[in-house]
Amino acid sequence: MCRSIKTIALQKTSAMKRMGLRNDLELGRYTCGVELRQFI
């Protein structure tokens, strides 16, 4: 669990740096989509 949480945090920071997203809601939606893709 700890590793997954850390990786998710890294993905969020990298996504913010790449896309420049400042809206937490948009970032949350993006991360949720990535997580769903991994599970599926």
N, C-alpha and C. Protein backbone atom coordinates (compact mmCIF):
# COMPACT_ATOMS: atom_id res chain seq x y z
N MET A 1 0.84 -1.21 0.00
CA MET A 1 0.00 0.00 0.00
C MET A 1 0.87 1.26 0.00
N CYS A 2 1.90 1.25 0.85
CA CYS A 2 2.75 2.44 0.94
C CYS A 2 3.38 2.77 -0.41
N ARG A 3 3.84 1.74 -1.08
CA ARG A 3 4.48 1.98 -2.38
C ARG A 3 3.49 2.58 -3.36
N SER A 4 2.28 2.01 -3.41
CA SER A 4 1.28 2.50 -4.36
C SER A 4 0.95 3.96 -4.06
N ILE A 5 0.82 4.30 -2.77
CA ILE A 5 0.51 5.69 -2.41
C ILE A 5 1.64 6.61 -2.86
N LYS A 6 2.88 6.18 -2.66
CA LYS A 6 4.02 7.01 -3.08
C LYS A 6 4.03 7.17 -4.59
N THR A 7 3.78 6.09 -5.32
CA THR A 7 3.79 6.17 -6.77
C THR A 7 2.67 7.10 -7.25
N ILE A 8 1.50 7.01 -6.61
CA ILE A 8 0.39 7.88 -7.00
C ILE A 8 0.78 9.34 -6.77
N ALA A 9 1.43 9.61 -5.65
CA ALA A 9 1.87 10.98 -5.36
C ALA A 9 2.85 11.45 -6.42
N LEU A 10 3.78 10.58 -6.81
CA LEU A 10 4.75 10.93 -7.84
C LEU A 10 4.04 11.19 -9.16
N GLN A 11 3.05 10.36 -9.48
CA GLN A 11 2.29 10.55 -10.72
C GLN A 11 1.58 11.89 -10.70
N LYS A 12 1.03 12.26 -9.53
CA LYS A 12 0.32 13.55 -9.44
C LYS A 12 1.29 14.69 -9.68
N THR A 13 2.46 14.66 -9.03
CA THR A 13 3.42 15.74 -9.19
C THR A 13 3.91 15.80 -10.63
N SER A 14 4.20 14.66 -11.22
CA SER A 14 4.68 14.64 -12.61
C SER A 14 3.59 15.16 -13.54
N ALA A 15 2.35 14.77 -13.28
CA ALA A 15 1.24 15.23 -14.12
C ALA A 15 1.10 16.74 -14.02
N MET A 16 1.24 17.27 -12.80
CA MET A 16 1.13 18.72 -12.62
C MET A 16 2.25 19.43 -13.35
N LYS A 17 3.44 18.85 -13.31
CA LYS A 17 4.58 19.49 -13.99
C LYS A 17 4.40 19.42 -15.50
N ARG A 18 3.91 18.29 -15.99
CA ARG A 18 3.76 18.13 -17.45
C ARG A 18 2.60 18.98 -17.98
N MET A 19 1.42 18.78 -17.41
CA MET A 19 0.23 19.46 -17.93
C MET A 19 0.05 20.85 -17.34
N GLY A 20 0.68 21.09 -16.18
CA GLY A 20 0.51 22.38 -15.54
C GLY A 20 -0.88 22.53 -14.95
N LEU A 21 -1.47 21.40 -14.52
CA LEU A 21 -2.82 21.47 -13.95
C LEU A 21 -2.75 22.06 -12.55
N ARG A 22 -3.58 23.06 -12.30
CA ARG A 22 -3.62 23.66 -10.97
C ARG A 22 -4.89 23.26 -10.23
N ASN A 23 -5.84 22.64 -10.96
CA ASN A 23 -7.11 22.26 -10.34
C ASN A 23 -6.99 20.86 -9.76
N ASP A 24 -7.20 20.72 -8.45
CA ASP A 24 -7.09 19.41 -7.81
C ASP A 24 -8.13 18.44 -8.36
N LEU A 25 -9.33 18.95 -8.68
CA LEU A 25 -10.39 18.07 -9.18
C LEU A 25 -9.95 17.44 -10.50
N GLU A 26 -9.42 18.25 -11.41
CA GLU A 26 -8.98 17.71 -12.70
C GLU A 26 -7.88 16.69 -12.50
N LEU A 27 -6.94 17.01 -11.61
CA LEU A 27 -5.83 16.10 -11.34
C LEU A 27 -6.35 14.79 -10.76
N GLY A 28 -7.31 14.89 -9.83
CA GLY A 28 -7.90 13.69 -9.23
C GLY A 28 -8.57 12.84 -10.29
N ARG A 29 -9.29 13.46 -11.21
CA ARG A 29 -9.97 12.69 -12.26
C ARG A 29 -8.93 11.97 -13.11
N TYR A 30 -7.85 12.67 -13.45
CA TYR A 30 -6.80 12.07 -14.27
C TYR A 30 -6.19 10.86 -13.57
N THR A 31 -5.84 11.02 -12.30
CA THR A 31 -5.23 9.92 -11.55
C THR A 31 -6.20 8.76 -11.43
N CYS A 32 -7.48 9.05 -11.19
CA CYS A 32 -8.49 7.98 -11.07
C CYS A 32 -8.55 7.20 -12.37
N GLY A 33 -8.52 7.89 -13.50
CA GLY A 33 -8.57 7.21 -14.78
C GLY A 33 -7.37 6.29 -14.96
N VAL A 34 -6.20 6.76 -14.56
CA VAL A 34 -4.99 5.94 -14.68
C VAL A 34 -5.11 4.71 -13.80
N GLU A 35 -5.59 4.89 -12.57
CA GLU A 35 -5.73 3.76 -11.65
C GLU A 35 -6.71 2.75 -12.21
N LEU A 36 -7.84 3.22 -12.75
CA LEU A 36 -8.84 2.30 -13.31
C LEU A 36 -8.23 1.51 -14.46
N ARG A 37 -7.44 2.19 -15.29
CA ARG A 37 -6.81 1.50 -16.43
C ARG A 37 -5.88 0.40 -15.93
N GLN A 38 -5.13 0.68 -14.87
CA GLN A 38 -4.20 -0.31 -14.34
C GLN A 38 -4.96 -1.52 -13.81
N PHE A 39 -6.08 -1.28 -13.09
CA PHE A 39 -6.84 -2.39 -12.53
C PHE A 39 -7.48 -3.22 -13.64
N ILE A 40 -8.00 -2.53 -14.65
CA ILE A 40 -8.67 -3.25 -15.74
C ILE A 40 -7.60 -3.89 -16.63
